Structure formats: structure tokens, C-alpha cells
């Protein structure tokens, strides 16, 4: 049982309450205006309980208003500069998603056109990422990049196990996965869930992501793959995928070890193809076995959709594809989830159709322009030092400048929150935990005008922060907002 502040067990169940004024007997207060609406089932409770089912029903308008009013205390998603996730779509997309909200993506025989839109999205991404044969692309939609990374990692492990079957089954080999210490937490989860040893390349000095030579040095006969990130969560920088592949090519030449690469393109795989087409990071590199992205990040779709693609069928072991017939037909499926919404897949296809290459290029370029301009204005204050400028992902990180000792990044984050801006402050991974930064994510919908308003608020706060006698200190719990 989870007890909420101001409540004891009796309060949770509607009895005597430990904090009467704070929680009103642990029950919800309903506006008297809503009491007059007769409920056809036989009336409604004036004060329904919070933490157990009410005894009877509530009028729909009353239930809506209670939930609506509580959600007003959430932050404004458009002012959330912590999240990578899309917070604005066109009204037509919202209508389309509403029309598809009851469709289950897994029911491909019942909803064949939704399944067809998913297949088209896979083919579009395969073409965008230069798969050898986009028409025969192997891939699927997921609930996000975290699930997509789990699937890609599992495919790497199974391919390694097939090559090392005798040693693996005899217990003489433990698989490992090589990655930078800056990877998103989903990779730590993968290694934990599927019993893979994580081998992380530490950060060093001003290098905030994976070093190709250091990655290759950690590989051995038990390495299932190397993860390279197109757009680090910590600072928005691209990892050198081409350099990693070259280092692994040289390793294979010396030792015979053939180590595949997975590209975690949660954000960058939907930015680089449009803004950095000359950068070779995708299936043009023969060593890249799989790529994932988040449709709900720079794919420009509301939360709930990711994508996992493999360069060909050989990269995805057939044993991981399940076929079920209890929904009708013979349905192949490869996902951690079974039932999941089809609305986001429809919205992804809508966005591909709506924008095309030129539209995506314009949207992402605008986001990058906003990021670069805003980072420049922050640097011009003289109070901050930039780690990145937003010229790769439209994301940049910055810290306080040398000589600033009256306040720190946690003070800045706290004070900006008072103005409605959500800007995360956090420390870097091991070996650079001494570095605390702020990060700004510029997404579609965060305009130059909003950037100017942000700077107005920051300029208004700086004199007060400079007058502090010392930093107020890091809060007990630091939210990093590092989510796919």
C-alpha cells in the first residue's frame, strides 16, 4: 500500500483521517454545481473516495471535472524544455488519432489497413536510412525507443548465442555489450533484464560520448555488439558511428572478431537524414545491423510510438518472431508488448505523408536554428559556458561559467520553474560526475518567439541569482528527464 502525505490507512479507506484540513477526510470534494445532475443509475456520491472505488457511479460531467481540475496542476508541456517527446501536432492529426483510438495494433487481421500503414512506415524508414533493399525491410513499430532497443539488443544476443552455442550453453561464456557511459537508461535495463554484461566506455575530459578506439578495446569473443548513439541524451551530440565501425573493421582484420553495431537513433535518426545527409551513420555502413528511433520525438508524433529496423532478415533471428492465430489468420509478431494502440502508427504515417522530405527538413532546420540562436544568447550573458550548441540535435547543454560562485545550475533550474519553464539540471555520468549542467531541448512548437520569452525570464532572474551569498544546494532528488 502506498500512503500519501497527510493520510493514514484509515484515511485512505475513507475513515478517520490524520490530516483533516489537508486531505478533506481522504475524499474528493465535488463542486456543488455538479451535485444537481441526476445520475440515471441512482444518484452519485458528493464526496467520492480517492484511493478506492466509489460504491456507486458518478455523473460523467462531474467525473470529468474532478480529473480535469487536478490535471491543471501539471506543467505546461509546451514550456517543457526537458522532454524530447513531441508536445504539439496539427488538429487534423489529433482528429485522426481520435478516430483510431479504439484500434489495437496487434489485431492485424481485424485492422488490415492499419497494419498496412505500419508496413509502409517501415519501408519509408528503411529507404530513409539506406537499407540494402527497402522494399524487403524487416522492422516493426513499438511503444517507443526503449522497447525498440530491447528488441535490437535481444536480436544481437541471439545472433551471438547462435555463433557460440556450445560455449554459451555450457556456461563458459557471458555475453557483453559495449557502449558509452552516456547511453540512455534503457540499455542498462536491457543488460539487467537479459543478463548481459554492460561494458561502458567512460567519459574523459571534454569528450562526452563514445570513443571508437576505447570501444573496440573493450570487445572480445563474447561481445554481442556495440551501441552507438545518434544524439546523446546528455548533450545532444552525435556519436561517431562511422569511426566506431572503422575501429571494429580494424579489430576484425587483426583478430577475426566480427562485432555488429546497433545505432540508437532515438532522436538523431529523424534529424540527421534531413539536416546532415552527407554524414554516413546508417545502413550505408555494412557493420550497422539495426537502428531504432522514436516516432514520438523528432518523428513528430504524440507519445506512444517507436520503430526498430534490421538491415535484412539475417540480422533478426527467426526464432524471435512469434506467430499466433487466436486473433484470426496467421500473424507474425515481434514485440515485448502485445496489445497497443494503433492511433500513433496512423499519426506517424500521416506525418510522413503530410511533410515529406522537404517538410521534415524545414521543421528540423527551424528547431536547430532556434537551438543555435538560443544557445548563443545564453552564452552572451557571460554567466554560462556551453558544452554543445544545438548544431547536431537541436539540443544543447551548458553550465555556469568559471568564476560564478553565487549560484549553480540547480538554482537556475529551480528559479526557471517558478516562471513555468522546465529545464533539467543534472550531473554527468561516472568519471565526469564533477560536471553539472542544464539542458535545453528545442522541439517543433518551440519557436524563436518562445526562445525570446525564455531569455527575458532568464535575464530577469540573473541579477537575483548573482546576489545570492552562495548556491542553495542540489535538491535531494534531481530529476533528469532522460526518457525515451
Protein backbone atom coordinates (compact mmCIF):
# COMPACT_ATOMS: atom_id res chain seq x y z
CA UNK A 1 0.00 0.00 0.00
CA UNK A 2 1.26 3.49 -0.84
CA UNK A 3 0.39 6.07 1.79
CA UNK A 4 0.15 9.68 0.73
CA UNK A 5 1.38 12.56 2.83
CA UNK A 6 -1.26 13.59 5.36
CA UNK A 7 -3.11 10.26 5.21
CA UNK A 8 -3.06 7.17 7.36
CA UNK A 9 -4.55 3.79 6.47
CA UNK A 10 -7.92 4.78 7.86
CA UNK A 11 -7.90 7.97 5.80
CA UNK A 12 -7.18 6.02 2.63
CA UNK A 13 -10.24 3.90 3.21
CA UNK A 14 -12.50 6.80 4.00
CA UNK A 15 -12.45 6.61 7.82
CA UNK A 16 -10.72 8.79 10.38
CA UNK A 17 -8.09 10.96 8.67
CA UNK A 18 -4.73 12.02 10.04
CA UNK A 19 -4.68 15.42 8.29
CA UNK A 20 -8.26 16.69 8.04
CA UNK A 21 -7.60 20.12 6.59
CA UNK A 22 -5.04 18.88 4.08
CA UNK A 23 -6.96 15.99 2.58
CA UNK A 24 -10.62 16.52 3.49
CA UNK A 25 -11.10 13.09 5.02
CA UNK A 26 -9.23 11.47 2.11
CA UNK A 27 -12.20 12.07 -0.16
CA UNK A 28 -12.65 14.23 -3.23
CA UNK A 29 -14.55 17.48 -2.88
CA UNK A 30 -17.07 17.95 -5.69
CA UNK A 31 -18.32 21.38 -6.67
CA UNK A 32 -21.96 21.88 -5.59
CA UNK A 33 -22.81 22.91 -9.16
CA UNK A 34 -22.19 19.32 -10.18
CA UNK A 35 -24.37 17.77 -7.47
CA UNK A 36 -27.58 18.69 -9.21
CA UNK A 37 -27.04 16.46 -12.21
CA UNK A 38 -29.18 13.39 -11.67
CA UNK A 39 -27.49 10.10 -12.32
CA UNK A 40 -29.72 7.59 -14.14
CA UNK A 41 -28.22 4.73 -12.14
CA UNK A 42 -29.37 6.18 -8.86
CA UNK A 43 -27.50 9.27 -7.75
CA UNK A 44 -23.85 9.98 -7.11
CA UNK A 45 -21.60 10.37 -4.11
CA UNK A 46 -20.98 14.01 -3.19
CA UNK A 47 -17.52 13.14 -1.92
CA UNK A 48 -16.17 10.01 -3.62
CA UNK A 49 -13.06 8.39 -2.09
CA UNK A 50 -9.66 8.97 -3.62
CA UNK A 51 -7.99 5.61 -3.14
CA UNK A 52 -10.70 3.00 -3.52
CA UNK A 53 -13.57 2.52 -5.94
CA UNK A 54 -16.67 4.52 -5.00
CA UNK A 55 -19.69 2.48 -4.02
CA UNK A 56 -21.72 3.88 -6.88
CA UNK A 57 -21.31 5.74 -10.19
CA UNK A 58 -20.70 9.44 -10.73
CA UNK A 59 -22.19 11.64 -13.39
CA UNK A 60 -19.85 11.87 -16.39
CA UNK A 61 -19.53 15.67 -16.22
CA UNK A 62 -18.63 15.50 -12.54
CA UNK A 63 -16.03 12.78 -13.09
CA UNK A 64 -14.54 14.74 -15.99
CA UNK A 65 -14.37 17.98 -14.00
CA UNK A 66 -12.71 16.34 -10.99
CA UNK A 67 -9.96 14.78 -13.13
CA UNK A 68 -9.63 17.87 -15.35
CA UNK A 69 -9.17 20.19 -12.39
CA UNK A 70 -6.47 18.03 -10.81
CA UNK A 71 -4.54 17.84 -14.09
CA UNK A 72 -4.44 21.64 -14.27
CA UNK A 73 -1.58 21.45 -11.77
CA UNK A 74 0.64 19.66 -14.30
CA UNK A 75 3.25 21.76 -16.06
CA UNK A 76 2.62 23.28 -19.47
CA UNK A 77 4.03 20.75 -21.93
CA UNK A 78 4.95 23.43 -24.46
CA UNK A 79 7.25 25.05 -21.88
CA UNK A 80 8.86 21.72 -21.00
CA UNK A 81 12.41 22.05 -22.31
CA UNK A 82 13.42 18.79 -20.60
CA UNK A 83 11.49 16.33 -22.72
CA UNK A 84 12.44 15.11 -26.18
CA UNK A 85 8.85 13.97 -26.73
CA UNK A 86 6.51 15.74 -29.15
CA UNK A 87 4.15 18.18 -27.44
CA UNK A 88 2.38 19.67 -30.46
CA UNK A 89 0.67 18.25 -33.53
CA UNK A 90 -1.79 19.68 -36.01
CA UNK A 91 -5.51 19.45 -35.20
CA UNK A 92 -6.01 17.09 -38.15
CA UNK A 93 -3.55 14.65 -36.60
CA UNK A 94 -5.40 14.79 -33.29
CA UNK A 95 -8.69 14.04 -35.09
CA UNK A 96 -7.11 11.10 -36.91
CA UNK A 97 -5.71 9.71 -33.66
CA UNK A 98 -9.11 10.07 -32.02
CA UNK A 99 -10.69 8.11 -34.87
CA UNK A 100 -8.17 5.31 -34.35
CA UNK A 101 -8.08 5.28 -30.55
CA UNK A 102 -10.04 2.02 -30.35
CA UNK A 103 -7.83 0.11 -32.80
CA UNK A 104 -5.43 -2.46 -31.39
CA UNK A 105 -2.20 -2.53 -33.38
CA UNK A 106 -1.75 -6.24 -32.76
CA UNK A 107 -5.06 -7.14 -34.45
CA UNK A 108 -3.64 -7.01 -37.95
CA UNK A 109 -6.34 -9.23 -39.46
CA UNK A 110 -9.13 -7.12 -37.97
CA UNK A 111 -7.44 -3.84 -38.93
CA UNK A 112 -5.57 -4.67 -42.13
CA UNK A 113 -5.28 -1.06 -43.29
CA UNK A 114 -3.66 -0.01 -40.01
CA UNK A 115 -1.24 -2.92 -40.47
CA UNK A 116 -0.56 -1.71 -44.00
CA UNK A 117 0.25 1.79 -42.72
CA UNK A 118 2.72 0.25 -40.28
CA UNK A 119 4.37 -1.68 -43.13
CA UNK A 120 4.62 1.48 -45.23
CA UNK A 121 6.23 3.37 -42.33
CA UNK A 122 8.85 0.62 -42.00
CA UNK A 123 9.59 0.85 -45.73
CA UNK A 124 9.81 4.64 -45.60
CA UNK A 125 12.30 4.49 -42.73
CA UNK A 126 14.30 1.75 -44.46
CA UNK A 127 14.60 3.97 -47.52
CA UNK A 128 15.48 6.99 -45.38
CA UNK A 129 18.25 5.00 -43.65
CA UNK A 130 19.59 3.44 -46.89
CA UNK A 131 18.70 -0.19 -46.23
CA UNK A 132 20.06 -2.53 -48.92
CA UNK A 133 16.52 -3.37 -50.07
CA UNK A 134 13.90 -1.04 -48.54
CA UNK A 135 11.02 -2.96 -50.11
CA UNK A 136 12.08 -6.07 -48.20
CA UNK A 137 12.82 -4.21 -44.98
CA UNK A 138 12.49 -6.02 -41.67
CA UNK A 139 11.08 -3.91 -38.87
CA UNK A 140 8.18 -3.13 -36.58
CA UNK A 141 6.55 -0.38 -34.59
CA UNK A 142 6.96 -0.31 -30.82
CA UNK A 143 5.68 1.77 -27.93
CA UNK A 144 8.89 3.79 -28.02
CA UNK A 145 12.65 3.59 -28.38
CA UNK A 146 13.10 1.80 -25.07
CA UNK A 147 11.16 -1.20 -26.36
CA UNK A 148 12.88 -0.94 -29.74
CA UNK A 149 16.30 -1.02 -28.05
CA UNK A 150 15.29 -4.09 -26.04
CA UNK A 151 14.32 -5.89 -29.25
CA UNK A 152 17.51 -4.86 -31.06
CA UNK A 153 19.65 -5.93 -28.13
CA UNK A 154 17.85 -9.25 -27.88
CA UNK A 155 18.48 -9.89 -31.58
CA UNK A 156 22.18 -9.16 -31.06
CA UNK A 157 22.33 -11.57 -28.15
CA UNK A 158 20.57 -14.38 -30.01
CA UNK A 159 22.84 -13.97 -33.05
CA UNK A 160 25.89 -14.15 -30.76
CA UNK A 161 24.48 -17.19 -28.93
CA UNK A 162 23.90 -18.99 -32.24
CA UNK A 163 27.57 -18.48 -33.14
CA UNK A 164 28.76 -19.57 -29.69
CA UNK A 165 26.15 -22.21 -28.90
CA UNK A 166 28.43 -24.78 -27.26
CA UNK A 167 30.30 -22.35 -25.02
CA UNK A 168 27.15 -20.42 -24.10
CA UNK A 169 25.07 -23.45 -23.13
CA UNK A 170 27.98 -24.91 -21.18
CA UNK A 171 28.05 -21.76 -19.08
CA UNK A 172 31.57 -20.87 -20.12
CA UNK A 173 30.74 -17.56 -21.78
CA UNK A 174 28.90 -14.48 -20.57
CA UNK A 175 27.75 -12.12 -23.31
CA UNK A 176 28.67 -8.44 -23.05
CA UNK A 177 27.54 -5.25 -24.75
CA UNK A 178 29.88 -2.29 -25.33
CA UNK A 179 28.56 1.28 -25.14
CA UNK A 180 29.38 4.72 -23.80
CA UNK A 181 28.67 5.67 -20.20
CA UNK A 182 26.29 8.29 -21.60
CA UNK A 183 23.73 5.82 -23.02
CA UNK A 184 20.07 6.13 -22.12
CA UNK A 185 18.99 4.06 -19.11
CA UNK A 186 17.10 1.58 -21.32
CA UNK A 187 20.46 -0.04 -22.17
CA UNK A 188 21.22 -0.60 -18.51
CA UNK A 189 17.77 -2.17 -18.22
CA UNK A 190 18.43 -4.40 -21.21
CA UNK A 191 21.67 -5.71 -19.74
CA UNK A 192 19.98 -6.29 -16.39
CA UNK A 193 16.86 -7.99 -17.77
CA UNK A 194 18.67 -10.25 -20.25
CA UNK A 195 21.80 -10.97 -18.21
CA UNK A 196 24.31 -9.24 -20.44
CA UNK A 197 27.46 -7.67 -19.01
CA UNK A 198 27.48 -3.92 -19.71
CA UNK A 199 30.89 -2.63 -20.75
CA UNK A 200 30.79 1.13 -20.70
CA UNK A 201 33.44 3.44 -22.11
CA UNK A 202 33.91 6.18 -19.50
CA UNK A 203 33.74 9.86 -20.34
CA UNK A 204 37.04 11.71 -20.24
CA UNK A 205 37.87 15.41 -20.20
CA UNK A 206 35.86 17.27 -22.83
CA UNK A 207 34.79 14.03 -24.57
CA UNK A 208 31.19 13.45 -23.53
CA UNK A 209 30.40 10.34 -25.57
CA UNK A 210 31.76 7.10 -27.04
CA UNK A 211 35.37 6.90 -28.21
CA UNK A 212 35.81 4.44 -31.14
CA UNK A 213 39.21 3.11 -30.11
CA UNK A 214 38.18 2.64 -26.49
CA UNK A 215 35.03 0.83 -27.61
CA UNK A 216 36.97 -1.60 -29.80
CA UNK A 217 39.42 -2.23 -26.95
CA UNK A 218 36.57 -3.49 -24.75
CA UNK A 219 35.37 -6.03 -27.32
CA UNK A 220 36.18 -9.72 -27.17
CA UNK A 221 34.73 -13.04 -28.38
CA UNK A 222 31.76 -12.59 -26.01
CA UNK A 223 30.74 -9.14 -27.28
CA UNK A 224 27.27 -9.24 -28.83
CA UNK A 225 27.58 -5.75 -30.29
CA UNK A 226 28.46 -2.10 -29.83
CA UNK A 227 25.82 0.57 -29.30
CA UNK A 228 26.43 3.98 -30.88
CA UNK A 229 24.05 6.84 -30.11
CA UNK A 230 22.91 9.34 -32.72
CA UNK A 231 22.15 12.19 -30.36
CA UNK A 232 23.32 11.77 -26.77
CA UNK A 233 20.66 12.38 -24.16
CA UNK A 234 23.17 14.26 -22.03
CA UNK A 235 24.23 16.95 -24.50
CA UNK A 236 22.64 16.34 -27.92
CA UNK A 237 25.88 15.39 -29.69
CA UNK A 238 26.16 12.68 -32.34
CA UNK A 239 28.44 9.76 -31.57
CA UNK A 240 30.95 8.89 -34.36
CA UNK A 241 29.17 5.84 -35.79
CA UNK A 242 31.48 5.75 -38.81
CA UNK A 243 34.53 5.90 -36.55
CA UNK A 244 33.19 3.09 -34.39
CA UNK A 245 32.61 0.91 -37.47
CA UNK A 246 36.11 1.69 -38.76
CA UNK A 247 37.65 0.71 -35.40
CA UNK A 248 35.70 -2.55 -35.46
CA UNK A 249 36.77 -3.20 -39.05
CA UNK A 250 40.38 -2.88 -37.94
CA UNK A 251 39.67 -5.15 -34.94
CA UNK A 252 38.25 -7.81 -37.26
CA UNK A 253 41.30 -7.53 -39.51
CA UNK A 254 43.60 -8.16 -36.54
CA UNK A 255 41.60 -10.75 -34.58
CA UNK A 256 38.84 -12.11 -36.80
CA UNK A 257 36.15 -10.81 -34.40
CA UNK A 258 33.09 -9.64 -36.34
CA UNK A 259 31.20 -7.28 -34.00
CA UNK A 260 27.91 -5.75 -35.22
CA UNK A 261 26.77 -2.23 -34.39
CA UNK A 262 23.35 -1.06 -33.28
CA UNK A 263 22.57 2.63 -33.74
CA UNK A 264 20.34 4.11 -31.06
CA UNK A 265 18.82 6.85 -33.18
CA UNK A 266 16.01 7.69 -30.77
CA UNK A 267 16.30 11.33 -31.78
CA UNK A 268 19.07 11.71 -34.34
CA UNK A 269 17.77 9.13 -36.80
CA UNK A 270 14.95 11.57 -37.59
CA UNK A 271 17.24 14.61 -37.74
CA UNK A 272 20.47 13.60 -39.48
CA UNK A 273 18.85 12.27 -42.71
CA UNK A 274 17.34 15.70 -43.34
CA UNK A 275 19.93 18.12 -41.98
CA UNK A 276 23.17 16.13 -42.32
CA UNK A 277 22.66 13.94 -45.41
CA UNK A 278 26.40 13.71 -46.05
CA UNK A 279 27.00 12.12 -42.65
CA UNK A 280 27.30 8.33 -43.04
CA UNK A 281 25.91 6.66 -39.93
CA UNK A 282 23.14 4.32 -41.12
CA UNK A 283 22.80 1.11 -43.19
CA UNK A 284 25.33 2.51 -45.66
CA UNK A 285 27.83 1.17 -43.14
CA UNK A 286 27.81 -2.63 -43.61
CA UNK A 287 28.56 -3.19 -39.92
CA UNK A 288 25.32 -1.47 -38.81
CA UNK A 289 22.90 -4.34 -38.13
CA UNK A 290 19.94 -2.43 -36.69
CA UNK A 291 18.62 1.06 -35.98
CA UNK A 292 15.86 2.35 -33.72
CA UNK A 293 14.12 5.69 -33.48
CA UNK A 294 11.30 7.33 -31.56
CA UNK A 295 8.40 8.37 -33.73
CA UNK A 296 7.26 10.43 -30.76
CA UNK A 297 10.45 12.50 -30.61
CA UNK A 298 11.76 14.12 -33.77
CA UNK A 299 9.45 11.82 -35.73
CA UNK A 300 6.92 14.49 -34.66
CA UNK A 301 4.16 12.22 -33.28
CA UNK A 302 2.50 12.36 -29.86
CA UNK A 303 3.86 9.86 -27.27
CA UNK A 304 3.47 6.13 -27.85
CA UNK A 305 5.38 5.06 -30.96
CA UNK A 306 8.91 3.90 -31.75
CA UNK A 307 10.49 1.93 -34.59
CA UNK A 308 13.05 -0.89 -34.82
CA UNK A 309 14.60 -1.88 -38.15
CA UNK A 310 17.15 -4.51 -39.18
CA UNK A 311 19.27 -4.28 -42.31
CA UNK A 312 18.00 -7.66 -43.60
CA UNK A 313 16.31 -10.86 -42.43
CA UNK A 314 19.61 -12.42 -41.42
CA UNK A 315 20.00 -9.71 -38.74
CA UNK A 316 16.75 -10.71 -36.99
CA UNK A 317 16.73 -14.37 -35.84
CA UNK A 318 13.56 -16.11 -36.99
CA UNK A 319 13.18 -17.72 -33.56
CA UNK A 320 12.28 -14.32 -32.12
CA UNK A 321 9.27 -13.93 -34.42
CA UNK A 322 6.11 -15.46 -32.98
CA UNK A 323 3.06 -16.49 -34.93
CA UNK A 324 -0.36 -16.62 -33.33
CA UNK A 325 -3.75 -17.49 -34.80
CA UNK A 326 -6.15 -16.77 -31.95
CA UNK A 327 -6.92 -13.31 -33.31
CA UNK A 328 -7.67 -14.83 -36.70
CA UNK A 329 -5.23 -15.57 -39.51
CA UNK A 330 -1.53 -16.30 -39.10
CA UNK A 331 0.01 -13.23 -37.55
CA UNK A 332 3.79 -12.82 -37.11
CA UNK A 333 4.71 -10.57 -34.20
CA UNK A 334 7.96 -9.43 -32.66
CA UNK A 335 7.46 -7.09 -29.73
CA UNK A 336 7.58 -7.04 -25.95
CA UNK A 337 4.05 -5.69 -25.76
CA UNK A 338 1.07 -7.42 -27.30
CA UNK A 339 -1.93 -5.08 -27.30
CA UNK A 340 -1.05 -1.46 -28.00
CA UNK A 341 -2.73 1.48 -29.73
CA UNK A 342 -2.80 1.84 -33.49
CA UNK A 343 -3.52 5.58 -33.36
CA UNK A 344 0.14 6.58 -33.11
CA UNK A 345 1.07 4.46 -36.14
CA UNK A 346 -1.67 6.18 -38.15
CA UNK A 347 -0.37 9.54 -36.93
CA UNK A 348 3.18 8.60 -37.97
CA UNK A 349 2.04 7.78 -41.50
CA UNK A 350 0.00 10.99 -41.57
CA UNK A 351 3.11 12.99 -40.63
CA UNK A 352 5.25 11.26 -43.26
CA UNK A 353 2.57 11.95 -45.86
CA UNK A 354 1.93 15.49 -44.66
CA UNK A 355 5.55 16.70 -44.55
CA UNK A 356 7.61 14.64 -46.96
CA UNK A 357 11.36 15.13 -47.06
CA UNK A 358 11.20 18.87 -47.63
CA UNK A 359 8.72 19.38 -44.81
CA UNK A 360 10.77 17.37 -42.34
CA UNK A 361 13.88 19.24 -43.41
CA UNK A 362 12.16 22.59 -42.80
CA UNK A 363 10.80 21.59 -39.39
CA UNK A 364 14.09 20.15 -38.13
CA UNK A 365 16.10 23.05 -39.55
CA UNK A 366 13.87 25.50 -37.72
CA UNK A 367 14.37 23.58 -34.46
CA UNK A 368 18.15 23.63 -35.00
CA UNK A 369 18.09 27.35 -35.82
CA UNK A 370 16.18 28.07 -32.61
CA UNK A 371 18.62 25.93 -30.60
CA UNK A 372 21.73 27.56 -32.05
CA UNK A 373 20.35 31.08 -31.61
CA UNK A 374 19.18 30.43 -28.05
CA UNK A 375 22.46 28.81 -27.02
CA UNK A 376 24.30 31.82 -28.43
CA UNK A 377 22.15 34.24 -26.41
CA UNK A 378 22.74 32.21 -23.24
CA UNK A 379 26.50 32.28 -23.85
CA UNK A 380 26.38 36.06 -24.38
CA UNK A 381 25.16 36.59 -20.81
CA UNK A 382 28.68 35.73 -19.66
CA UNK A 383 27.27 33.64 -16.81
CA UNK A 384 27.31 30.32 -18.68
CA UNK A 385 29.63 28.08 -20.66
CA UNK A 386 28.27 25.94 -23.49
CA UNK A 387 29.13 22.27 -23.82
CA UNK A 388 27.21 21.94 -27.07
CA UNK A 389 25.44 24.47 -29.28
CA UNK A 390 22.49 22.58 -30.75
CA UNK A 391 24.15 22.21 -34.15
CA UNK A 392 23.66 18.41 -34.21
CA UNK A 393 20.49 17.51 -32.36
CA UNK A 394 18.54 20.73 -31.68
CA UNK A 395 19.62 20.20 -28.07
CA UNK A 396 22.34 21.88 -26.07
CA UNK A 397 23.87 21.64 -22.61
CA UNK A 398 25.51 24.40 -20.61
CA UNK A 399 26.96 25.00 -17.18
CA UNK A 400 27.92 28.03 -15.11
CA UNK A 401 30.98 29.93 -16.26
CA UNK A 402 34.24 29.97 -14.37
CA UNK A 403 34.05 32.48 -11.54
CA UNK A 404 30.32 32.10 -10.94
CA UNK A 405 30.10 31.02 -7.31
CA UNK A 406 26.90 32.68 -6.07
CA UNK A 407 24.64 30.10 -7.71
CA UNK A 408 24.77 26.81 -9.59
CA UNK A 409 22.77 25.05 -12.31
CA UNK A 410 20.31 23.63 -9.78
CA UNK A 411 19.46 27.14 -8.61
CA UNK A 412 18.86 28.20 -12.22
CA UNK A 413 16.58 25.21 -12.86
CA UNK A 414 14.64 25.89 -9.66
CA UNK A 415 14.10 29.57 -10.44
CA UNK A 416 13.13 28.96 -14.07
CA UNK A 417 10.48 26.52 -12.85
CA UNK A 418 8.88 29.41 -10.97
CA UNK A 419 8.31 31.05 -14.37
CA UNK A 420 6.85 27.85 -15.84
CA UNK A 421 10.00 26.67 -17.68
CA UNK A 422 11.08 23.08 -17.07
CA UNK A 423 14.84 22.91 -17.66
CA UNK A 424 16.56 19.87 -16.11
CA UNK A 425 19.75 20.19 -14.09
CA UNK A 426 21.82 17.04 -13.61
CA UNK A 427 25.29 15.63 -13.17
CA UNK A 428 27.15 13.76 -15.90
CA UNK A 429 27.92 10.00 -15.70
CA UNK A 430 30.82 8.47 -13.73
CA UNK A 431 34.27 9.93 -14.39
CA UNK A 432 32.63 13.31 -15.06
CA UNK A 433 30.25 13.49 -12.12
CA UNK A 434 32.00 16.72 -11.21
CA UNK A 435 30.20 18.34 -14.16
CA UNK A 436 26.66 19.61 -13.51
CA UNK A 437 24.74 21.06 -16.44
CA UNK A 438 21.42 22.37 -17.70
CA UNK A 439 19.96 21.04 -20.95
CA UNK A 440 17.51 22.64 -23.36
CA UNK A 441 15.62 20.53 -25.93
CA UNK A 442 14.22 22.54 -28.84
CA UNK A 443 11.30 20.75 -30.47
CA UNK A 444 8.73 21.58 -33.10
CA UNK A 445 6.48 24.19 -31.50
CA UNK A 446 9.28 25.87 -29.53
CA UNK A 447 9.60 28.98 -31.65
CA UNK A 448 12.00 31.91 -31.82
CA UNK A 449 9.32 33.96 -30.02
CA UNK A 450 9.21 31.45 -27.14
CA UNK A 451 13.02 31.45 -27.06
CA UNK A 452 12.92 35.25 -26.67
CA UNK A 453 10.43 34.90 -23.80
CA UNK A 454 12.72 32.33 -22.19
CA UNK A 455 15.64 34.75 -22.41
CA UNK A 456 13.52 37.56 -20.95
CA UNK A 457 12.82 35.40 -17.90
CA UNK A 458 16.44 34.26 -17.62
CA UNK A 459 17.68 37.87 -17.81
CA UNK A 460 15.19 38.85 -15.11
CA UNK A 461 16.43 36.08 -12.80
CA UNK A 462 20.18 36.55 -13.22
CA UNK A 463 20.52 39.70 -11.04
CA UNK A 464 18.75 37.93 -8.19
CA UNK A 465 20.88 34.81 -8.60
CA UNK A 466 24.07 36.90 -8.64
CA UNK A 467 23.10 38.46 -5.30
CA UNK A 468 22.88 35.09 -3.56
CA UNK A 469 25.58 34.58 -0.92
CA UNK A 470 26.15 31.05 -2.15
CA UNK A 471 24.41 28.25 -4.10
CA UNK A 472 21.35 26.94 -2.31
CA UNK A 473 22.49 23.37 -2.90
CA UNK A 474 21.49 20.44 -5.01
CA UNK A 475 17.97 19.17 -4.22
CA UNK A 476 17.69 15.76 -2.60
CA UNK A 477 16.13 14.28 -5.73
CA UNK A 478 17.37 15.52 -9.09
CA UNK A 479 15.05 14.75 -11.97
CA UNK A 480 17.00 14.08 -15.14
CA UNK A 481 14.08 13.64 -17.55
CA UNK A 482 16.11 11.11 -19.56
CA UNK A 483 13.26 9.15 -21.05
CA UNK A 484 12.63 7.71 -24.50
